[in-house]
Protein backbone atom coordinates (compact mmCIF):
# COMPACT_ATOMS: atom_id res chain seq x y z
CA MET A 1 0.00 0.00 0.00
CA GLN A 2 1.39 3.37 -1.02
CA PRO A 3 1.56 6.07 1.66
CA ALA A 4 -0.85 8.97 1.28
CA THR A 5 0.59 11.99 -0.47
CA PRO A 6 0.43 15.46 1.12
CA GLU A 7 -2.10 16.46 -1.56
CA LYS A 8 -4.38 13.51 -0.69
CA ASP A 9 -4.03 14.23 3.02
CA LYS A 10 -4.97 17.87 2.41
CA ALA A 11 -7.95 16.89 0.24
CA GLY A 12 -9.13 14.37 2.81
CA SER A 13 -8.82 16.93 5.58
CA LEU A 14 -10.90 19.42 3.57
CA ILE A 15 -13.60 16.82 2.92
CA ILE A 16 -13.80 15.85 6.59
CA GLY A 17 -13.92 19.49 7.67
CA ASN A 18 -16.70 20.32 5.23
CA LEU A 19 -18.74 17.21 6.11
CA CYS A 20 -18.49 18.09 9.80
CA MET A 21 -19.88 21.56 9.11
CA LEU A 22 -22.64 20.25 6.83
CA VAL A 23 -23.98 18.00 9.59
CA ALA A 24 -23.64 20.81 12.13
CA ALA A 25 -25.51 23.21 9.82
CA ILE A 26 -28.38 20.72 9.44
CA PHE A 27 -28.66 20.35 13.21
CA TRP A 28 -28.53 24.12 13.76
CA GLY A 29 -31.16 24.74 11.08
CA LEU A 30 -33.53 22.23 12.67
CA ASN A 31 -32.71 23.68 16.08
CA VAL A 32 -34.20 27.06 15.12
CA SER A 33 -37.62 25.53 14.46
CA VAL A 34 -37.56 23.09 17.37
CA THR A 35 -36.57 25.83 19.84
CA LYS A 36 -39.25 28.15 18.46
CA ALA A 37 -41.82 25.38 18.94
CA LEU A 38 -40.96 25.11 22.66
CA ILE A 39 -41.10 28.84 23.45
CA PRO A 40 -43.18 29.95 25.34
CA SER A 41 -45.75 27.14 25.48
CA GLU A 42 -43.44 24.61 27.17
CA MET A 43 -40.24 26.43 28.20
CA THR A 44 -38.77 29.91 28.53
CA ALA A 45 -35.73 31.24 26.69
CA HIS A 46 -33.89 31.30 30.03
CA SER A 47 -34.62 27.65 30.77
CA ILE A 48 -33.55 26.42 27.33
CA THR A 49 -30.31 28.40 27.70
CA VAL A 50 -29.64 26.67 31.02
CA VAL A 51 -30.42 23.23 29.60
CA ARG A 52 -28.13 23.72 26.61
CA LEU A 53 -25.16 25.14 28.49
CA VAL A 54 -25.30 23.21 31.76
CA GLY A 55 -26.37 20.03 29.97
CA GLY A 56 -23.69 20.55 27.33
CA ALA A 57 -21.02 21.03 30.01
CA ILE A 58 -22.08 17.79 31.73
CA LEU A 59 -22.00 15.87 28.43
CA PHE A 60 -18.56 17.16 27.44
CA TRP A 61 -17.05 16.50 30.87
CA PHE A 62 -18.56 13.00 30.80
CA ALA A 63 -17.10 12.42 27.33
CA SER A 64 -13.70 13.67 28.49
CA ALA A 65 -13.51 10.73 30.92
CA PHE A 66 -13.10 8.41 27.91
CA VAL A 67 -10.60 10.55 25.98
CA LYS A 68 -7.04 11.47 26.83
CA CYS A 69 -7.24 15.27 27.07
CA GLU A 70 -4.36 17.70 26.86
CA SER A 71 -3.89 20.34 29.53
CA ILE A 72 -4.73 23.88 28.42
CA GLU A 73 -1.59 26.00 28.19
CA LYS A 74 -1.40 29.06 30.42
CA ALA A 75 -1.33 31.42 27.42
CA ASP A 76 -4.67 30.05 26.15
CA TRP A 77 -6.74 30.23 29.34
CA LEU A 78 -7.93 33.80 28.77
CA LYS A 79 -9.09 32.93 25.23
CA VAL A 80 -10.96 29.87 26.51
CA LEU A 81 -12.53 31.87 29.33
CA LEU A 82 -13.68 34.72 27.07
CA GLY A 83 -14.77 32.29 24.35
CA GLY A 84 -17.07 30.51 26.81
CA PHE A 85 -18.18 33.34 29.09
CA ILE A 86 -18.84 35.91 26.35
CA GLY A 87 -18.78 34.10 23.02
CA LEU A 88 -20.75 30.92 23.69
CA PHE A 89 -23.01 32.15 26.51
CA GLY A 90 -23.78 35.40 24.69
CA PHE A 91 -24.46 33.63 21.42
CA ILE A 92 -26.80 30.96 22.80
CA TYR A 93 -28.64 33.21 25.26
CA LEU A 94 -29.27 35.99 22.72
CA PHE A 95 -30.14 33.52 19.96
CA ILE A 96 -32.73 31.68 22.05
CA THR A 97 -34.17 34.95 23.37
CA SER A 98 -34.47 36.25 19.81
CA LEU A 99 -36.71 33.28 19.01
CA ARG A 100 -38.98 34.31 21.89
CA TYR A 101 -39.86 37.47 19.98
CA GLY A 102 -39.09 36.93 16.30
CA SER A 103 -39.89 34.77 13.31
CA ALA A 104 -37.96 31.50 13.03
CA ILE A 105 -37.20 32.10 9.35
CA ASP A 106 -36.14 35.74 9.93
CA ILE A 107 -33.81 34.66 12.75
CA SER A 108 -32.29 31.90 10.62
CA ILE A 109 -31.54 34.38 7.82
CA ILE A 110 -29.83 36.77 10.24
CA MET A 111 -27.77 33.87 11.58
CA THR A 112 -25.91 33.87 8.24
CA LEU A 113 -24.03 37.05 9.24
CA PRO A 114 -21.14 35.59 11.33
CA PRO A 115 -18.72 35.48 8.32
CA ILE A 116 -19.17 39.23 7.93
CA PHE A 117 -18.52 39.90 11.61
CA VAL A 118 -15.51 37.54 11.58
CA ILE A 119 -13.99 39.75 8.88
CA LEU A 120 -14.88 42.96 10.72
CA ILE A 121 -13.40 41.67 13.98
CA GLY A 122 -10.25 40.80 12.05
CA VAL A 123 -10.09 44.33 10.63
CA ILE A 124 -10.70 46.11 13.95
CA PHE A 125 -8.72 43.97 16.38
CA LEU A 126 -6.30 41.87 14.31
CA HIS A 127 -5.38 44.59 11.78
CA ARG A 128 -6.26 42.43 8.77
CA ARG A 129 -6.76 44.26 5.48
CA PRO A 130 -9.56 42.79 3.31
CA GLY A 131 -9.76 43.67 -0.39
CA TRP A 132 -12.40 45.99 -1.81
CA LEU A 133 -14.54 43.06 -3.02
CA GLU A 134 -14.75 41.82 0.56
CA TYR A 135 -15.95 45.24 1.71
CA VAL A 136 -18.57 45.22 -1.07
CA GLY A 137 -19.75 41.81 0.17
CA ILE A 138 -20.01 43.12 3.72
CA VAL A 139 -22.16 46.07 2.62
CA ILE A 140 -24.43 43.84 0.50
CA SER A 141 -24.87 41.38 3.38
CA PHE A 142 -25.85 44.18 5.74
CA VAL A 143 -28.42 45.34 3.17
CA GLY A 144 -29.89 41.82 3.28
CA ALA A 145 -30.05 41.96 7.08
CA ALA A 146 -31.74 45.37 6.89
CA ILE A 147 -34.37 43.92 4.55
CA VAL A 148 -35.15 41.23 7.14
CA ILE A 149 -35.42 43.73 10.00
CA LEU A 150 -37.49 46.27 8.06
CA GLY A 151 -39.70 43.50 6.70
CA GLY A 152 -40.30 42.34 10.27
CA ARG A 153 -41.80 45.73 11.08
CA GLN A 154 -44.57 45.07 8.60
CA ASP A 155 -45.53 41.61 9.81
CA ASN A 156 -45.61 40.13 13.31
CA HIS A 157 -47.32 36.94 12.15
CA ALA A 158 -44.73 34.62 13.70
CA GLY A 159 -43.45 36.66 16.62
CA SER A 160 -44.61 39.10 19.28
CA ASP A 161 -41.94 41.68 18.33
CA ASN A 162 -40.07 40.75 15.17
CA VAL A 163 -37.80 43.82 15.17
CA LEU A 164 -36.59 43.14 18.73
CA GLY A 165 -36.08 39.49 17.83
CA ASP A 166 -34.07 40.44 14.73
CA LEU A 167 -31.85 42.86 16.67
CA LEU A 168 -31.18 40.25 19.36
CA ALA A 169 -30.27 37.79 16.59
CA VAL A 170 -27.77 40.28 15.14
CA ALA A 171 -26.19 40.64 18.60
CA SER A 172 -25.97 36.84 18.90
CA THR A 173 -24.14 36.58 15.56
CA ILE A 174 -21.55 39.09 16.80
CA CYS A 175 -20.96 36.86 19.85
CA TYR A 176 -20.61 33.80 17.62
CA ALA A 177 -18.13 35.60 15.35
CA PHE A 178 -16.16 36.54 18.47
CA TYR A 179 -16.27 32.88 19.56
CA LEU A 180 -14.91 31.69 16.20
CA THR A 181 -12.18 34.32 16.08
CA ILE A 182 -10.82 34.12 19.61
CA LEU A 183 -10.80 30.30 19.67
CA GLU A 184 -9.34 29.69 16.20
CA GLY A 185 -5.83 29.29 17.65
CA PRO A 186 -6.73 26.96 20.55
CA THR A 187 -8.90 24.73 18.33
CA LYS A 188 -5.82 23.89 16.28
CA LYS A 189 -3.90 22.79 19.40
CA TYR A 190 -6.34 20.70 21.46
CA LYS A 191 -8.75 17.80 20.98
CA PRO A 192 -12.40 18.91 20.68
CA VAL A 193 -13.48 17.40 24.00
CA ALA A 194 -10.41 18.76 25.83
CA LEU A 195 -11.31 22.29 24.78
CA LEU A 196 -15.11 22.17 24.75
CA ARG A 197 -15.43 20.86 28.29
CA TRP A 198 -13.84 24.09 29.55
CA ILE A 199 -15.64 26.37 27.06
CA PHE A 200 -19.03 24.97 28.07
CA LEU A 201 -18.12 25.09 31.75
CA PHE A 202 -17.27 28.80 31.52
CA ALA A 203 -20.47 29.40 29.51
CA ALA A 204 -22.57 27.44 32.01
CA ILE A 205 -21.46 29.58 34.97
CA PRO A 206 -23.36 32.77 33.96
CA SER A 207 -26.33 30.65 32.84
CA LEU A 208 -26.83 29.57 36.47
CA LEU A 209 -28.26 33.04 37.11
CA LEU A 210 -31.17 32.08 34.84
CA ILE A 211 -32.28 29.05 36.91
CA PRO A 212 -34.82 30.77 39.25
CA GLY A 213 -38.37 29.98 38.15
CA MET A 214 -37.55 26.82 36.21
CA ASP A 215 -39.61 24.71 38.64
CA LYS A 216 -42.76 26.32 37.22
CA LEU A 217 -42.13 25.36 33.58
CA PRO A 218 -45.15 23.84 31.75
CA ILE A 219 -42.95 21.03 30.36
CA LEU A 220 -42.51 19.68 33.90
CA HIS A 221 -46.26 19.19 34.20
CA THR A 222 -47.03 17.73 30.76
CA HIS A 223 -47.72 14.13 29.86
CA LYS A 224 -46.88 14.69 26.19
CA ALA A 225 -43.72 13.08 24.82
CA ILE A 226 -43.03 15.53 21.98
CA PRO A 227 -41.72 18.44 24.13
CA TRP A 228 -39.28 16.07 25.88
CA ILE A 229 -38.13 14.66 22.54
CA GLU A 230 -37.59 18.22 21.30
CA ILE A 231 -35.50 19.26 24.31
CA GLY A 232 -33.54 16.01 24.02
CA PHE A 233 -32.80 16.81 20.39
CA ILE A 234 -31.70 20.36 21.30
CA LEU A 235 -29.33 19.09 23.97
CA LEU A 236 -27.82 16.21 22.00
CA CYS A 237 -27.69 17.30 18.35
CA PRO A 238 -27.20 21.10 17.95
CA THR A 239 -25.42 21.39 21.31
CA PHE A 240 -23.23 18.35 21.94
CA ILE A 241 -22.73 16.80 18.49
CA ALA A 242 -22.70 20.03 16.44
CA TYR A 243 -20.21 21.84 18.68
CA PHE A 244 -18.09 18.69 18.81
CA LEU A 245 -17.97 18.76 14.99
CA VAL A 246 -17.11 22.47 14.77
CA GLN A 247 -13.76 22.03 16.50
CA PRO A 248 -12.19 19.58 14.00
CA ALA A 249 -13.75 21.59 11.18
CA MET A 250 -12.10 24.81 12.39
CA LYS A 251 -8.81 22.95 12.63
CA ARG A 252 -9.09 21.72 9.03
CA ILE A 253 -10.76 24.56 7.12
CA GLY A 254 -10.41 27.68 9.34
CA SER A 255 -12.89 29.95 11.12
CA GLU A 256 -13.97 31.98 8.07
CA LEU A 257 -14.96 28.91 6.02
CA VAL A 258 -16.66 27.38 9.06
CA SER A 259 -18.70 30.55 9.48
CA ILE A 260 -19.73 30.43 5.80
CA TYR A 261 -21.70 27.25 6.53
CA GLN A 262 -24.12 29.52 8.38
CA TYR A 263 -25.54 30.28 4.91
CA LEU A 264 -27.13 26.81 4.84
CA LEU A 265 -28.92 27.40 8.14
CA PRO A 266 -31.93 29.27 6.64
CA VAL A 267 -32.50 26.46 4.15
CA PHE A 268 -32.91 23.77 6.80
CA ALA A 269 -34.65 26.16 9.21
CA THR A 270 -37.18 27.25 6.57
CA ILE A 271 -37.99 23.70 5.48
CA SER A 272 -38.49 22.54 9.08
CA ALA A 273 -40.44 25.66 10.12
CA VAL A 274 -42.89 25.28 7.22
CA LEU A 275 -43.29 21.52 7.79
CA MET A 276 -43.88 22.10 11.52
CA LYS A 277 -46.35 24.91 10.65
CA ILE A 278 -44.70 27.42 12.98
CA ASP A 279 -43.85 29.93 10.23
CA LYS A 280 -44.60 30.81 6.62
CA LEU A 281 -42.08 31.76 3.95
CA ARG A 282 -42.59 35.30 2.60
CA ILE A 283 -41.18 36.84 -0.57
CA VAL A 284 -39.27 39.48 1.44
CA GLN A 285 -37.44 36.68 3.26
CA VAL A 286 -36.44 35.06 -0.03
CA ILE A 287 -35.15 38.42 -1.32
CA ALA A 288 -33.15 39.00 1.87
CA MET A 289 -31.67 35.51 1.70
CA VAL A 290 -30.60 36.01 -1.92
CA VAL A 291 -29.06 39.41 -1.14
CA ILE A 292 -27.05 38.01 1.77
CA VAL A 293 -25.82 35.06 -0.31
CA ILE A 294 -24.72 37.47 -3.05
CA GLY A 295 -22.81 39.41 -0.41
CA MET A 296 -21.19 36.18 0.77
CA LEU A 297 -20.12 35.35 -2.80
CA PHE A 298 -18.47 38.77 -3.19
CA THR A 299 -16.72 38.30 0.15
CA THR A 300 -15.52 34.78 -0.66
CA PHE A 301 -14.31 35.71 -4.16
CA GLY A 302 -12.57 38.79 -2.79
CA LYS A 303 -10.83 36.80 -0.08
CA ARG A 304 -9.65 34.21 -2.62
CA LYS A 305 -8.17 36.90 -4.84
CA ARG A 306 -6.47 38.57 -1.86
CA VAL A 307 -4.95 35.29 -0.64
CA GLU A 308 -3.70 34.46 -4.14
CA LYS A 309 -2.15 37.91 -4.48
CA GLU A 310 -0.48 37.65 -1.07
CA GLY A 311 0.91 34.25 -2.07
CA GLN A 312 2.37 35.68 -5.27
CA ASP A 313 3.90 38.58 -3.35
CA ASP A 314 5.63 36.15 -1.00
CA VAL A 315 7.31 34.28 -3.86
């Protein structure tokens, strides 16, 4: 048997990284609709946040008992702490709260913005210099987000306050972009479980403040199986499995390409929301989705040209 060539190893790594993100994107898309179905009839946004973060921390620490985990280096502890305390907690809490007020499809469209914020964070804090095509893509994507928010003002059919929900969703995408950016380095150094057990632990700590009142949740007094199946899905698939898959994906394809998979989220979220009859697809949502995808294409093409030019300059 011939040893694998570096080219085959690289291609295999890219395939694995992309497959990991595809599965994660499917779970996250379904998660939008399933979470929306639980709020507020069975659970509150606070209680689902606690279940995801505390439950996720327990699952990752349990999994770490069966895996040899590296110790986190002293230089990485601040990144891990901020990634969990601000990035992960902020993202999940704001995302779930946004579903309390907004349309599931609107929220899923806004959740495609992390690639844009990853670039902006790189510009502001890491002194990266995107090309002009990337800036054009950013502007176009923000136009798409504006269409969603302004469209929500005209129709509250699937939410009590669509504009508030949309704005909370935008804030959650900023937290997720921060999470991807600050943890890109550590994800390349540690096994997924070794890192995620600490990230979820640090995210679970602030979520403990949301526990009061959980004893009065309707789900605790129901005899129906569906709500319990839904919360089980939320805990296992988009929380444990999806975040487990993100770490090797970031290691293989980088944070910016990982964040681009957010563009598949509205597809799976829309299909599930319509099938579950918790939302209806409107023409303004389709237009916004198309505009944001066009912005993503400009950004991706611009980045490719910039990277190629930088490679030629280095020769």
